[in-house]
């Protein structure tokens, strides 16, 4: 297990950058295009060996680190690729991959839990889903809990005690309307306090926003500038669409856009009994990433957006693959 969390505690970062999201289904015999989920710009020198960075180093260059999750067409994680299977391009210029790892690094997770009135009959299965997710954790993971109904609240700040989070969820009493966007914003703010390099917001909700003061555009922009992946479990009502509000109808599309943008995934929950299985799958996906690193040939500290593309080099034993990723990141400013 990589000791990534020590990096965050000991080194002052110049900037943390984000990479845009998409899903790619490659042709069977062509090179497969894979975009990274997100990028972190970390201090580095020529002597730096990923994933360990010595404390108190002066910053002479930037190392862009890109977690990439690769799956088969059936959604099974692919974990046997090598450095030679990847190529990275920044603004169409190929970069030299200097760091490569595939390990179970610790994760900081913000759980955003819907406690609105419409969750009344779904709380039990939702609690089971949370418990299944926590079973995938390791000792260095940390979690916080955001609950939301009429307004969001920080129910528990970062803790490594997942049982404490579960007990809090189990005592939830749903009521009121749905302030989903405000809850995501609060989670994004709290995630700035995370100690681990890998960060994710996991949302469990059953409908669209009908209470927030933040707009979807504001949330999308905030997430674009962050290094947090968004995973969502959407328990959407499949009833008569004519009886649903515009916000409820827009719920699935909104969550899918946020997940795609950040390199996460939206799982639509058709059966409540499937919630624990989906939750476990999300936990495993967070631990099945490749971490690629490179020092950009463009060393300008101009704060501009850089487009990044990762390609998988095709080989006879690489089947049609899919990936979840972002499209770029913001370079550090002066």
C-alpha atoms as a PDB file:
ATOM      1  CA  UNK A   1       0.000   0.000   0.000  1.00  0.00           C
ATOM      2  CA  UNK A   2       1.415   3.376  -1.001  1.00  0.00           C
ATOM      3  CA  UNK A   3       1.943   5.862   1.805  1.00  0.00           C
ATOM      4  CA  UNK A   4       0.376   8.679  -0.156  1.00  0.00           C
ATOM      5  CA  UNK A   5      -1.201  10.267   2.903  1.00  0.00           C
ATOM      6  CA  UNK A   6       2.245  11.200   4.282  1.00  0.00           C
ATOM      7  CA  UNK A   7       2.789  13.350   1.219  1.00  0.00           C
ATOM      8  CA  UNK A   8      -0.230  15.480   2.015  1.00  0.00           C
ATOM      9  CA  UNK A   9       0.783  15.906   5.632  1.00  0.00           C
ATOM     10  CA  UNK A  10       4.418  16.876   5.011  1.00  0.00           C
ATOM     11  CA  UNK A  11       4.623  18.778   1.768  1.00  0.00           C
ATOM     12  CA  UNK A  12       2.959  22.101   0.984  1.00  0.00           C
ATOM     13  CA  UNK A  13       1.433  21.711  -2.477  1.00  0.00           C
ATOM     14  CA  UNK A  14       1.698  24.463  -5.068  1.00  0.00           C
ATOM     15  CA  UNK A  15      -1.611  23.542  -6.599  1.00  0.00           C
ATOM     16  CA  UNK A  16      -4.076  20.722  -6.949  1.00  0.00           C
ATOM     17  CA  UNK A  17      -5.441  20.294 -10.400  1.00  0.00           C
ATOM     18  CA  UNK A  18      -8.366  18.531 -12.060  1.00  0.00           C
ATOM     19  CA  UNK A  19      -8.733  16.374 -15.142  1.00  0.00           C
ATOM     20  CA  UNK A  20     -12.099  16.373 -17.198  1.00  0.00           C
ATOM     21  CA  UNK A  21     -14.262  13.153 -17.424  1.00  0.00           C
ATOM     22  CA  UNK A  22     -15.500  10.894 -20.182  1.00  0.00           C
ATOM     23  CA  UNK A  23     -16.103   7.287 -21.077  1.00  0.00           C
ATOM     24  CA  UNK A  24     -14.443   5.741 -24.113  1.00  0.00           C
ATOM     25  CA  UNK A  25     -15.284   2.478 -25.853  1.00  0.00           C
ATOM     26  CA  UNK A  26     -12.340   1.659 -28.149  1.00  0.00           C
ATOM     27  CA  UNK A  27     -12.299  -0.353 -31.356  1.00  0.00           C
ATOM     28  CA  UNK A  28     -11.005  -3.863 -30.876  1.00  0.00           C
ATOM     29  CA  UNK A  29      -7.815  -3.514 -32.939  1.00  0.00           C
ATOM     30  CA  UNK A  30      -7.073   0.185 -32.588  1.00  0.00           C
ATOM     31  CA  UNK A  31      -5.281   1.968 -29.801  1.00  0.00           C
ATOM     32  CA  UNK A  32      -7.763   2.638 -27.033  1.00  0.00           C
ATOM     33  CA  UNK A  33      -8.169   6.242 -25.877  1.00  0.00           C
ATOM     34  CA  UNK A  34      -8.338   6.545 -22.136  1.00  0.00           C
ATOM     35  CA  UNK A  35      -8.666   9.846 -20.334  1.00  0.00           C
ATOM     36  CA  UNK A  36      -7.486  10.197 -16.724  1.00  0.00           C
ATOM     37  CA  UNK A  37      -9.843  10.696 -13.872  1.00  0.00           C
ATOM     38  CA  UNK A  38      -8.054  13.614 -12.295  1.00  0.00           C
ATOM     39  CA  UNK A  39      -4.597  15.064 -11.850  1.00  0.00           C
ATOM     40  CA  UNK A  40      -2.710  16.322  -8.835  1.00  0.00           C
ATOM     41  CA  UNK A  41       0.194  18.692  -9.286  1.00  0.00           C
ATOM     42  CA  UNK A  42       2.753  17.820  -6.648  1.00  0.00           C
ATOM     43  CA  UNK A  43       6.238  19.028  -5.770  1.00  0.00           C
ATOM     44  CA  UNK A  44       8.917  16.990  -7.526  1.00  0.00           C
ATOM     45  CA  UNK A  45      12.589  16.974  -8.385  1.00  0.00           C
ATOM     46  CA  UNK A  46      14.548  14.714 -10.679  1.00  0.00           C
ATOM     47  CA  UNK A  47      15.391  12.521  -7.693  1.00  0.00           C
ATOM     48  CA  UNK A  48      11.778  12.109  -6.540  1.00  0.00           C
ATOM     49  CA  UNK A  49      10.597   8.480  -6.588  1.00  0.00           C
ATOM     50  CA  UNK A  50       6.833   8.006  -6.749  1.00  0.00           C
ATOM     51  CA  UNK A  51       4.901   7.708  -4.513  1.00  0.00           C
ATOM     52  CA  UNK A  52       7.268   9.003  -1.779  1.00  0.00           C
ATOM     53  CA  UNK A  53       8.359  12.651  -1.714  1.00  0.00           C
ATOM     54  CA  UNK A  54      10.865  13.819   0.869  1.00  0.00           C
ATOM     55  CA  UNK A  55       9.752  16.667   3.121  1.00  0.00           C
ATOM     56  CA  UNK A  56      11.159  20.197   2.940  1.00  0.00           C
ATOM     57  CA  UNK A  57      12.212  20.013  -0.734  1.00  0.00           C
ATOM     58  CA  UNK A  58      12.265  23.207  -2.752  1.00  0.00           C
ATOM     59  CA  UNK A  59       9.876  23.232  -5.704  1.00  0.00           C
ATOM     60  CA  UNK A  60      11.679  23.307  -9.064  1.00  0.00           C
ATOM     61  CA  UNK A  61       9.138  21.534 -11.256  1.00  0.00           C
ATOM     62  CA  UNK A  62       5.659  19.983 -11.175  1.00  0.00           C
ATOM     63  CA  UNK A  63       4.730  16.327 -11.282  1.00  0.00           C
ATOM     64  CA  UNK A  64       1.288  15.663 -12.711  1.00  0.00           C
ATOM     65  CA  UNK A  65      -0.196  12.474 -11.288  1.00  0.00           C
ATOM     66  CA  UNK A  66      -3.132  10.884 -13.091  1.00  0.00           C
ATOM     67  CA  UNK A  67      -5.202   8.050 -11.619  1.00  0.00           C
ATOM     68  CA  UNK A  68      -6.808   5.994 -14.419  1.00  0.00           C
ATOM     69  CA  UNK A  69      -9.441   3.307 -13.963  1.00  0.00           C
ATOM     70  CA  UNK A  70      -9.740   0.757 -16.782  1.00  0.00           C
ATOM     71  CA  UNK A  71     -12.526  -1.798 -17.151  1.00  0.00           C
ATOM     72  CA  UNK A  72     -13.713  -4.391 -19.623  1.00  0.00           C
ATOM     73  CA  UNK A  73     -16.921  -3.800 -21.560  1.00  0.00           C
ATOM     74  CA  UNK A  74     -18.685  -5.720 -18.770  1.00  0.00           C
ATOM     75  CA  UNK A  75     -17.403  -3.399 -16.045  1.00  0.00           C
ATOM     76  CA  UNK A  76     -14.703  -5.645 -14.595  1.00  0.00           C
ATOM     77  CA  UNK A  77     -11.622  -3.724 -13.458  1.00  0.00           C
ATOM     78  CA  UNK A  78      -8.459  -4.374 -15.476  1.00  0.00           C
ATOM     79  CA  UNK A  79      -5.442  -4.404 -13.155  1.00  0.00           C
ATOM     80  CA  UNK A  80      -2.722  -6.248 -15.118  1.00  0.00           C
ATOM     81  CA  UNK A  81      -1.565  -3.479 -17.468  1.00  0.00           C
ATOM     82  CA  UNK A  82       1.999  -2.125 -17.457  1.00  0.00           C
ATOM     83  CA  UNK A  83       3.562   1.258 -18.036  1.00  0.00           C
ATOM     84  CA  UNK A  84       4.184   0.280 -21.657  1.00  0.00           C
ATOM     85  CA  UNK A  85       0.416   0.009 -22.218  1.00  0.00           C
ATOM     86  CA  UNK A  86      -0.042   3.755 -21.696  1.00  0.00           C
ATOM     87  CA  UNK A  87       0.757   6.962 -23.572  1.00  0.00           C
ATOM     88  CA  UNK A  88       0.036  10.446 -22.229  1.00  0.00           C
ATOM     89  CA  UNK A  89      -0.492  13.600 -24.281  1.00  0.00           C
ATOM     90  CA  UNK A  90      -0.853  17.127 -22.938  1.00  0.00           C
ATOM     91  CA  UNK A  91      -2.268  19.624 -25.436  1.00  0.00           C
ATOM     92  CA  UNK A  92      -1.469  17.025 -28.146  1.00  0.00           C
ATOM     93  CA  UNK A  93       2.201  16.816 -27.104  1.00  0.00           C
ATOM     94  CA  UNK A  94       3.314  13.379 -25.900  1.00  0.00           C
ATOM     95  CA  UNK A  95       4.748  13.322 -22.383  1.00  0.00           C
ATOM     96  CA  UNK A  96       7.284  10.969 -20.820  1.00  0.00           C
ATOM     97  CA  UNK A  97       5.680   8.762 -18.154  1.00  0.00           C
ATOM     98  CA  UNK A  98       8.196   8.826 -15.314  1.00  0.00           C
ATOM     99  CA  UNK A  99       6.079   7.317 -12.545  1.00  0.00           C
ATOM    100  CA  UNK A 100       3.775   4.301 -12.616  1.00  0.00           C
ATOM    101  CA  UNK A 101       1.963   2.473  -9.831  1.00  0.00           C
ATOM    102  CA  UNK A 102      -1.060   0.286  -9.293  1.00  0.00           C
ATOM    103  CA  UNK A 103      -1.740  -0.057  -5.591  1.00  0.00           C
ATOM    104  CA  UNK A 104      -4.360   0.301  -2.867  1.00  0.00           C
ATOM    105  CA  UNK A 105      -3.532   3.817  -1.714  1.00  0.00           C
ATOM    106  CA  UNK A 106      -5.594   5.314   1.135  1.00  0.00           C
ATOM    107  CA  UNK A 107      -8.699   7.305   0.204  1.00  0.00           C
ATOM    108  CA  UNK A 108     -10.515  10.256   1.763  1.00  0.00           C
ATOM    109  CA  UNK A 109     -14.269   9.898   1.239  1.00  0.00           C
ATOM    110  CA  UNK A 110     -17.076  12.376   1.757  1.00  0.00           C
ATOM    111  CA  UNK A 111     -20.365  10.462   2.009  1.00  0.00           C
ATOM    112  CA  UNK A 112     -23.317  12.658   0.960  1.00  0.00           C
ATOM    113  CA  UNK A 113     -26.448  10.998   2.328  1.00  0.00           C
ATOM    114  CA  UNK A 114     -30.015  11.946   1.360  1.00  0.00           C
ATOM    115  CA  UNK A 115     -32.150  12.297   4.487  1.00  0.00           C
ATOM    116  CA  UNK A 116     -35.144  13.946   2.809  1.00  0.00           C
ATOM    117  CA  UNK A 117     -38.697  12.735   3.345  1.00  0.00           C
ATOM    118  CA  UNK A 118     -38.797  10.660   0.175  1.00  0.00           C
ATOM    119  CA  UNK A 119     -36.101   8.376   1.624  1.00  0.00           C
ATOM    120  CA  UNK A 120     -38.454   7.147   4.353  1.00  0.00           C
ATOM    121  CA  UNK A 121     -38.834   3.649   2.924  1.00  0.00           C
ATOM    122  CA  UNK A 122     -35.241   3.427   1.680  1.00  0.00           C
ATOM    123  CA  UNK A 123     -33.211   4.191   4.782  1.00  0.00           C
ATOM    124  CA  UNK A 124     -32.701   0.571   5.820  1.00  0.00           C
ATOM    125  CA  UNK A 125     -31.225  -0.537   2.485  1.00  0.00           C
ATOM    126  CA  UNK A 126     -29.249   2.700   2.230  1.00  0.00           C
ATOM    127  CA  UNK A 127     -27.670   1.967   5.610  1.00  0.00           C
ATOM    128  CA  UNK A 128     -26.758  -1.515   4.384  1.00  0.00           C
ATOM    129  CA  UNK A 129     -25.145   0.065   1.314  1.00  0.00           C
ATOM    130  CA  UNK A 130     -23.020   2.317   3.522  1.00  0.00           C
ATOM    131  CA  UNK A 131     -21.937  -0.659   5.618  1.00  0.00           C
ATOM    132  CA  UNK A 132     -20.938  -2.575   2.460  1.00  0.00           C
ATOM    133  CA  UNK A 133     -18.883   0.388   1.263  1.00  0.00           C
ATOM    134  CA  UNK A 134     -17.006   0.671   4.539  1.00  0.00           C
ATOM    135  CA  UNK A 135     -16.083  -3.020   4.389  1.00  0.00           C
ATOM    136  CA  UNK A 136     -13.823  -2.174   1.416  1.00  0.00           C
ATOM    137  CA  UNK A 137     -11.852   0.385   3.440  1.00  0.00           C
ATOM    138  CA  UNK A 138      -8.355   0.095   4.834  1.00  0.00           C
ATOM    139  CA  UNK A 139      -6.812   1.403   8.039  1.00  0.00           C
ATOM    140  CA  UNK A 140      -5.545   4.670   6.518  1.00  0.00           C
ATOM    141  CA  UNK A 141      -8.832   5.685   4.926  1.00  0.00           C
ATOM    142  CA  UNK A 142     -10.862   8.528   6.392  1.00  0.00           C
ATOM    143  CA  UNK A 143     -14.518   9.469   6.044  1.00  0.00           C
ATOM    144  CA  UNK A 144     -16.859  12.370   6.661  1.00  0.00           C
ATOM    145  CA  UNK A 145     -20.652  12.417   6.537  1.00  0.00           C
ATOM    146  CA  UNK A 146     -22.871  15.096   5.016  1.00  0.00           C
ATOM    147  CA  UNK A 147     -26.607  14.601   5.558  1.00  0.00           C
ATOM    148  CA  UNK A 148     -29.135  16.726   3.723  1.00  0.00           C
ATOM    149  CA  UNK A 149     -32.856  17.423   3.574  1.00  0.00           C
ATOM    150  CA  UNK A 150     -34.119  21.011   3.863  1.00  0.00           C
ATOM    151  CA  UNK A 151     -30.467  22.005   4.171  1.00  0.00           C
ATOM    152  CA  UNK A 152     -27.155  20.149   4.375  1.00  0.00           C
ATOM    153  CA  UNK A 153     -25.231  19.619   7.569  1.00  0.00           C
ATOM    154  CA  UNK A 154     -21.860  18.202   8.480  1.00  0.00           C
ATOM    155  CA  UNK A 155     -23.003  15.240  10.560  1.00  0.00           C
ATOM    156  CA  UNK A 156     -19.456  13.973  11.205  1.00  0.00           C
ATOM    157  CA  UNK A 157     -16.105  15.469  10.234  1.00  0.00           C
ATOM    158  CA  UNK A 158     -13.199  13.318   9.048  1.00  0.00           C
ATOM    159  CA  UNK A 159     -12.719  10.144  11.044  1.00  0.00           C
ATOM    160  CA  UNK A 160     -11.088   6.789  10.414  1.00  0.00           C
ATOM    161  CA  UNK A 161     -13.833   5.104  12.441  1.00  0.00           C
ATOM    162  CA  UNK A 162     -16.270   3.902   9.775  1.00  0.00           C
ATOM    163  CA  UNK A 163     -18.486   2.334  12.464  1.00  0.00           C
ATOM    164  CA  UNK A 164     -19.165   5.801  13.814  1.00  0.00           C
ATOM    165  CA  UNK A 165     -20.375   6.937  10.374  1.00  0.00           C
ATOM    166  CA  UNK A 166     -22.576   3.854  10.017  1.00  0.00           C
ATOM    167  CA  UNK A 167     -24.177   4.341  13.445  1.00  0.00           C
ATOM    168  CA  UNK A 168     -24.952   7.953  12.573  1.00  0.00           C
ATOM    169  CA  UNK A 169     -26.655   6.922   9.327  1.00  0.00           C
ATOM    170  CA  UNK A 170     -28.635   4.198  11.084  1.00  0.00           C
ATOM    171  CA  UNK A 171     -30.145   6.850  13.394  1.00  0.00           C
ATOM    172  CA  UNK A 172     -31.238   9.090  10.494  1.00  0.00           C
ATOM    173  CA  UNK A 173     -34.912  10.110  10.444  1.00  0.00           C
ATOM    174  CA  UNK A 174     -35.856  11.343   6.939  1.00  0.00           C
ATOM    175  CA  UNK A 175     -37.988  14.451   6.441  1.00  0.00           C
ATOM    176  CA  UNK A 176     -38.290  17.564   4.292  1.00  0.00           C
ATOM    177  CA  UNK A 177     -37.165  18.489   0.813  1.00  0.00           C
ATOM    178  CA  UNK A 178     -33.908  17.856  -1.092  1.00  0.00           C
ATOM    179  CA  UNK A 179     -30.954  20.299  -1.047  1.00  0.00           C
ATOM    180  CA  UNK A 180     -28.624  18.062  -3.045  1.00  0.00           C
ATOM    181  CA  UNK A 181     -26.471  20.732  -4.709  1.00  0.00           C
ATOM    182  CA  UNK A 182     -25.915  22.569  -1.443  1.00  0.00           C
ATOM    183  CA  UNK A 183     -24.837  19.259   0.099  1.00  0.00           C
ATOM    184  CA  UNK A 184     -22.332  18.594  -2.694  1.00  0.00           C
ATOM    185  CA  UNK A 185     -20.943  22.107  -2.249  1.00  0.00           C
ATOM    186  CA  UNK A 186     -20.532  21.576   1.505  1.00  0.00           C
ATOM    187  CA  UNK A 187     -18.816  18.255   0.839  1.00  0.00           C
ATOM    188  CA  UNK A 188     -16.414  19.849  -1.663  1.00  0.00           C
ATOM    189  CA  UNK A 189     -15.478  22.510   0.905  1.00  0.00           C
ATOM    190  CA  UNK A 190     -14.895  19.921   3.619  1.00  0.00           C
ATOM    191  CA  UNK A 191     -12.827  17.735   1.279  1.00  0.00           C
ATOM    192  CA  UNK A 192     -10.176  20.470   1.203  1.00  0.00           C
ATOM    193  CA  UNK A 193      -9.272  19.254   4.699  1.00  0.00           C
ATOM    194  CA  UNK A 194      -8.634  15.685   3.505  1.00  0.00           C
ATOM    195  CA  UNK A 195      -5.209  14.262   4.282  1.00  0.00           C
ATOM    196  CA  UNK A 196      -5.096  11.630   1.505  1.00  0.00           C
ATOM    197  CA  UNK A 197      -4.148  12.237  -2.122  1.00  0.00           C
ATOM    198  CA  UNK A 198      -7.053  10.230  -3.481  1.00  0.00           C
ATOM    199  CA  UNK A 199     -10.422  11.792  -2.698  1.00  0.00           C
ATOM    200  CA  UNK A 200     -13.989  10.923  -3.563  1.00  0.00           C
ATOM    201  CA  UNK A 201     -17.482  12.198  -2.884  1.00  0.00           C
ATOM    202  CA  UNK A 202     -20.006   9.350  -2.754  1.00  0.00           C
ATOM    203  CA  UNK A 203     -23.648  10.429  -3.112  1.00  0.00           C
ATOM    204  CA  UNK A 204     -26.666   8.353  -2.158  1.00  0.00           C
ATOM    205  CA  UNK A 205     -29.910  10.048  -3.190  1.00  0.00           C
ATOM    206  CA  UNK A 206     -33.319   9.225  -4.620  1.00  0.00           C
ATOM    207  CA  UNK A 207     -34.221  12.352  -6.547  1.00  0.00           C
ATOM    208  CA  UNK A 208     -33.498  15.742  -8.017  1.00  0.00           C
ATOM    209  CA  UNK A 209     -32.722  18.941  -6.158  1.00  0.00           C
ATOM    210  CA  UNK A 210     -35.678  21.102  -5.096  1.00  0.00           C
ATOM    211  CA  UNK A 211     -34.241  23.238  -2.310  1.00  0.00           C
ATOM    212  CA  UNK A 212     -30.645  24.380  -2.987  1.00  0.00           C
ATOM    213  CA  UNK A 213     -29.403  27.930  -3.375  1.00  0.00           C
ATOM    214  CA  UNK A 214     -26.380  26.847  -5.423  1.00  0.00           C
ATOM    215  CA  UNK A 215     -26.962  26.218  -9.127  1.00  0.00           C
ATOM    216  CA  UNK A 216     -25.810  23.212 -11.114  1.00  0.00           C
ATOM    217  CA  UNK A 217     -23.422  25.451 -13.076  1.00  0.00           C
ATOM    218  CA  UNK A 218     -21.793  26.692  -9.884  1.00  0.00           C
ATOM    219  CA  UNK A 219     -21.337  23.131  -8.620  1.00  0.00           C
ATOM    220  CA  UNK A 220     -19.907  21.943 -11.940  1.00  0.00           C
ATOM    221  CA  UNK A 221     -17.378  24.790 -11.958  1.00  0.00           C
ATOM    222  CA  UNK A 222     -16.386  24.094  -8.359  1.00  0.00           C
ATOM    223  CA  UNK A 223     -15.824  20.415  -9.097  1.00  0.00           C
ATOM    224  CA  UNK A 224     -13.874  21.202 -12.270  1.00  0.00           C
ATOM    225  CA  UNK A 225     -11.325  23.032 -10.135  1.00  0.00           C
ATOM    226  CA  UNK A 226     -11.154  20.287  -7.522  1.00  0.00           C
ATOM    227  CA  UNK A 227      -9.415  16.922  -7.438  1.00  0.00           C
ATOM    228  CA  UNK A 228     -12.434  15.016  -6.110  1.00  0.00           C
ATOM    229  CA  UNK A 229     -14.153  12.187  -7.952  1.00  0.00           C
ATOM    230  CA  UNK A 230     -17.935  11.965  -7.693  1.00  0.00           C
ATOM    231  CA  UNK A 231     -19.662   8.604  -7.447  1.00  0.00           C
ATOM    232  CA  UNK A 232     -23.431   8.477  -7.162  1.00  0.00           C
ATOM    233  CA  UNK A 233     -26.037   5.854  -6.376  1.00  0.00           C
ATOM    234  CA  UNK A 234     -29.311   7.169  -7.773  1.00  0.00           C
ATOM    235  CA  UNK A 235     -32.517   5.575  -6.468  1.00  0.00           C
ATOM    236  CA  UNK A 236     -34.802   7.199  -9.014  1.00  0.00           C
ATOM    237  CA  UNK A 237     -38.595   6.918  -9.094  1.00  0.00           C
ATOM    238  CA  UNK A 238     -39.693   5.007 -12.187  1.00  0.00           C
ATOM    239  CA  UNK A 239     -43.329   6.083 -11.875  1.00  0.00           C
ATOM    240  CA  UNK A 240     -45.399   8.331 -14.107  1.00  0.00           C
ATOM    241  CA  UNK A 241     -43.093  11.123 -15.357  1.00  0.00           C
ATOM    242  CA  UNK A 242     -46.078  13.484 -15.649  1.00  0.00           C
ATOM    243  CA  UNK A 243     -46.414  13.438 -11.855  1.00  0.00           C
ATOM    244  CA  UNK A 244     -42.776  14.313 -11.224  1.00  0.00           C
ATOM    245  CA  UNK A 245     -41.316  17.793 -10.853  1.00  0.00           C
ATOM    246  CA  UNK A 246     -38.760  19.168 -13.355  1.00  0.00           C
ATOM    247  CA  UNK A 247     -36.116  18.851 -10.631  1.00  0.00           C
ATOM    248  CA  UNK A 248     -36.944  15.177 -10.107  1.00  0.00           C
ATOM    249  CA  UNK A 249     -36.849  14.526 -13.841  1.00  0.00           C
ATOM    250  CA  UNK A 250     -33.467  16.260 -14.069  1.00  0.00           C
ATOM    251  CA  UNK A 251     -31.948  14.350 -11.154  1.00  0.00           C
ATOM    252  CA  UNK A 252     -30.448  11.431 -13.108  1.00  0.00           C
ATOM    253  CA  UNK A 253     -28.945  13.683 -15.778  1.00  0.00           C
ATOM    254  CA  UNK A 254     -27.450  16.041 -13.194  1.00  0.00           C
ATOM    255  CA  UNK A 255     -25.771  13.268 -11.207  1.00  0.00           C
ATOM    256  CA  UNK A 256     -24.488  11.631 -14.386  1.00  0.00           C
ATOM    257  CA  UNK A 257     -22.941  14.917 -15.556  1.00  0.00           C
ATOM    258  CA  UNK A 258     -21.220  15.481 -12.209  1.00  0.00           C
ATOM    259  CA  UNK A 259     -19.880  11.929 -12.140  1.00  0.00           C
ATOM    260  CA  UNK A 260     -18.642  12.022 -15.733  1.00  0.00           C
ATOM    261  CA  UNK A 261     -17.026  15.426 -15.279  1.00  0.00           C
ATOM    262  CA  UNK A 262     -14.988  14.229 -12.309  1.00  0.00           C
ATOM    263  CA  UNK A 263     -14.122  10.768 -13.597  1.00  0.00           C
ATOM    264  CA  UNK A 264     -16.515   8.915 -11.306  1.00  0.00           C
ATOM    265  CA  UNK A 265     -19.664   7.005 -12.174  1.00  0.00           C
ATOM    266  CA  UNK A 266     -23.409   7.137 -11.686  1.00  0.00           C
ATOM    267  CA  UNK A 267     -25.077   3.866 -10.774  1.00  0.00           C
ATOM    268  CA  UNK A 268     -28.832   3.858 -11.290  1.00  0.00           C
ATOM    269  CA  UNK A 269     -30.423   1.680  -8.624  1.00  0.00           C
ATOM    270  CA  UNK A 270     -33.422  -0.197 -10.002  1.00  0.00           C
ATOM    271  CA  UNK A 271     -33.786  -2.493  -6.986  1.00  0.00           C
ATOM    272  CA  UNK A 272     -33.086  -1.471  -3.403  1.00  0.00           C
ATOM    273  CA  UNK A 273     -31.627  -4.915  -2.780  1.00  0.00           C
ATOM    274  CA  UNK A 274     -28.839  -4.033  -5.243  1.00  0.00           C
ATOM    275  CA  UNK A 275     -27.607  -1.081  -3.152  1.00  0.00           C
ATOM    276  CA  UNK A 276     -25.034  -2.985  -1.047  1.00  0.00           C
ATOM    277  CA  UNK A 277     -23.571  -4.672  -4.140  1.00  0.00           C
ATOM    278  CA  UNK A 278     -23.237  -1.347  -5.975  1.00  0.00           C
ATOM    279  CA  UNK A 279     -21.710   0.283  -2.930  1.00  0.00           C
ATOM    280  CA  UNK A 280     -19.103  -2.482  -2.701  1.00  0.00           C
ATOM    281  CA  UNK A 281     -18.337  -2.045  -6.391  1.00  0.00           C
ATOM    282  CA  UNK A 282     -17.660   1.670  -5.927  1.00  0.00           C
ATOM    283  CA  UNK A 283     -15.318   0.945  -3.036  1.00  0.00           C
ATOM    284  CA  UNK A 284     -13.396  -1.573  -5.121  1.00  0.00           C
ATOM    285  CA  UNK A 285     -13.178   0.785  -8.093  1.00  0.00           C
ATOM    286  CA  UNK A 286     -11.527   3.419  -5.947  1.00  0.00           C
ATOM    287  CA  UNK A 287      -8.791   0.867  -5.191  1.00  0.00           C
ATOM    288  CA  UNK A 288      -8.234  -0.395  -8.729  1.00  0.00           C
ATOM    289  CA  UNK A 289      -6.631   2.661 -10.299  1.00  0.00           C
ATOM    290  CA  UNK A 290      -3.347   3.066 -12.121  1.00  0.00           C
ATOM    291  CA  UNK A 291      -1.406   6.132 -11.069  1.00  0.00           C
ATOM    292  CA  UNK A 292       0.651   7.645 -13.882  1.00  0.00           C
ATOM    293  CA  UNK A 293       2.994  10.593 -13.416  1.00  0.00           C
ATOM    294  CA  UNK A 294       4.863  12.946 -15.722  1.00  0.00           C
ATOM    295  CA  UNK A 295       6.633  16.301 -15.617  1.00  0.00           C
ATOM    296  CA  UNK A 296       4.958  18.493 -18.275  1.00  0.00           C
ATOM    297  CA  UNK A 297       7.144  19.672 -21.136  1.00  0.00           C
ATOM    298  CA  UNK A 298       5.218  22.937 -20.841  1.00  0.00           C
ATOM    299  CA  UNK A 299       6.575  24.297 -17.582  1.00  0.00           C
ATOM    300  CA  UNK A 300       4.724  27.630 -17.716  1.00  0.00           C
ATOM    301  CA  UNK A 301       3.019  28.535 -14.446  1.00  0.00           C
ATOM    302  CA  UNK A 302       0.213  30.383 -16.207  1.00  0.00           C
ATOM    303  CA  UNK A 303      -2.868  28.937 -14.508  1.00  0.00           C
ATOM    304  CA  UNK A 304      -4.271  27.858 -17.867  1.00  0.00           C
ATOM    305  CA  UNK A 305      -6.316  24.762 -18.605  1.00  0.00           C
ATOM    306  CA  UNK A 306      -4.285  21.898 -20.094  1.00  0.00           C
ATOM    307  CA  UNK A 307      -5.976  19.189 -22.163  1.00  0.00           C
ATOM    308  CA  UNK A 308      -4.754  15.705 -21.313  1.00  0.00           C
ATOM    309  CA  UNK A 309      -5.306  12.487 -23.215  1.00  0.00           C
ATOM    310  CA  UNK A 310      -4.167   9.032 -22.216  1.00  0.00           C
ATOM    311  CA  UNK A 311      -4.057   6.289 -24.814  1.00  0.00           C
ATOM    312  CA  UNK A 312      -3.837   2.597 -24.197  1.00  0.00           C
ATOM    313  CA  UNK A 313      -1.438   0.838 -26.530  1.00  0.00           C
ATOM    314  CA  UNK A 314      -3.371  -2.051 -28.064  1.00  0.00           C
ATOM    315  CA  UNK A 315      -2.049  -5.600 -27.861  1.00  0.00           C
ATOM    316  CA  UNK A 316      -3.486  -9.028 -28.688  1.00  0.00           C
ATOM    317  CA  UNK A 317      -4.442  -9.613 -25.046  1.00  0.00           C
ATOM    318  CA  UNK A 318      -6.155  -6.242 -24.486  1.00  0.00           C
ATOM    319  CA  UNK A 319      -9.904  -6.607 -25.151  1.00  0.00           C
ATOM    320  CA  UNK A 320     -12.293  -3.737 -25.783  1.00  0.00           C
ATOM    321  CA  UNK A 321     -11.948  -1.533 -22.728  1.00  0.00           C
ATOM    322  CA  UNK A 322     -13.750   1.377 -21.112  1.00  0.00           C
ATOM    323  CA  UNK A 323     -12.394   4.038 -18.818  1.00  0.00           C
ATOM    324  CA  UNK A 324     -13.649   6.904 -16.655  1.00  0.00           C
ATOM    325  CA  UNK A 325     -11.614  10.060 -16.688  1.00  0.00           C
ATOM    326  CA  UNK A 326     -11.250  13.822 -16.881  1.00  0.00           C
ATOM    327  CA  UNK A 327     -10.000  15.720 -19.897  1.00  0.00           C
ATOM    328  CA  UNK A 328      -7.539  18.159 -18.390  1.00  0.00           C
ATOM    329  CA  UNK A 329      -6.317  20.211 -15.439  1.00  0.00           C
ATOM    330  CA  UNK A 330      -5.446  23.756 -14.486  1.00  0.00           C
ATOM    331  CA  UNK A 331      -1.715  24.488 -14.393  1.00  0.00           C
ATOM    332  CA  UNK A 332      -0.324  26.214 -11.285  1.00  0.00           C
ATOM    333  CA  UNK A 333      -0.351  30.002 -11.308  1.00  0.00           C
ATOM    334  CA  UNK A 334       2.520  32.307 -10.450  1.00  0.00           C
END
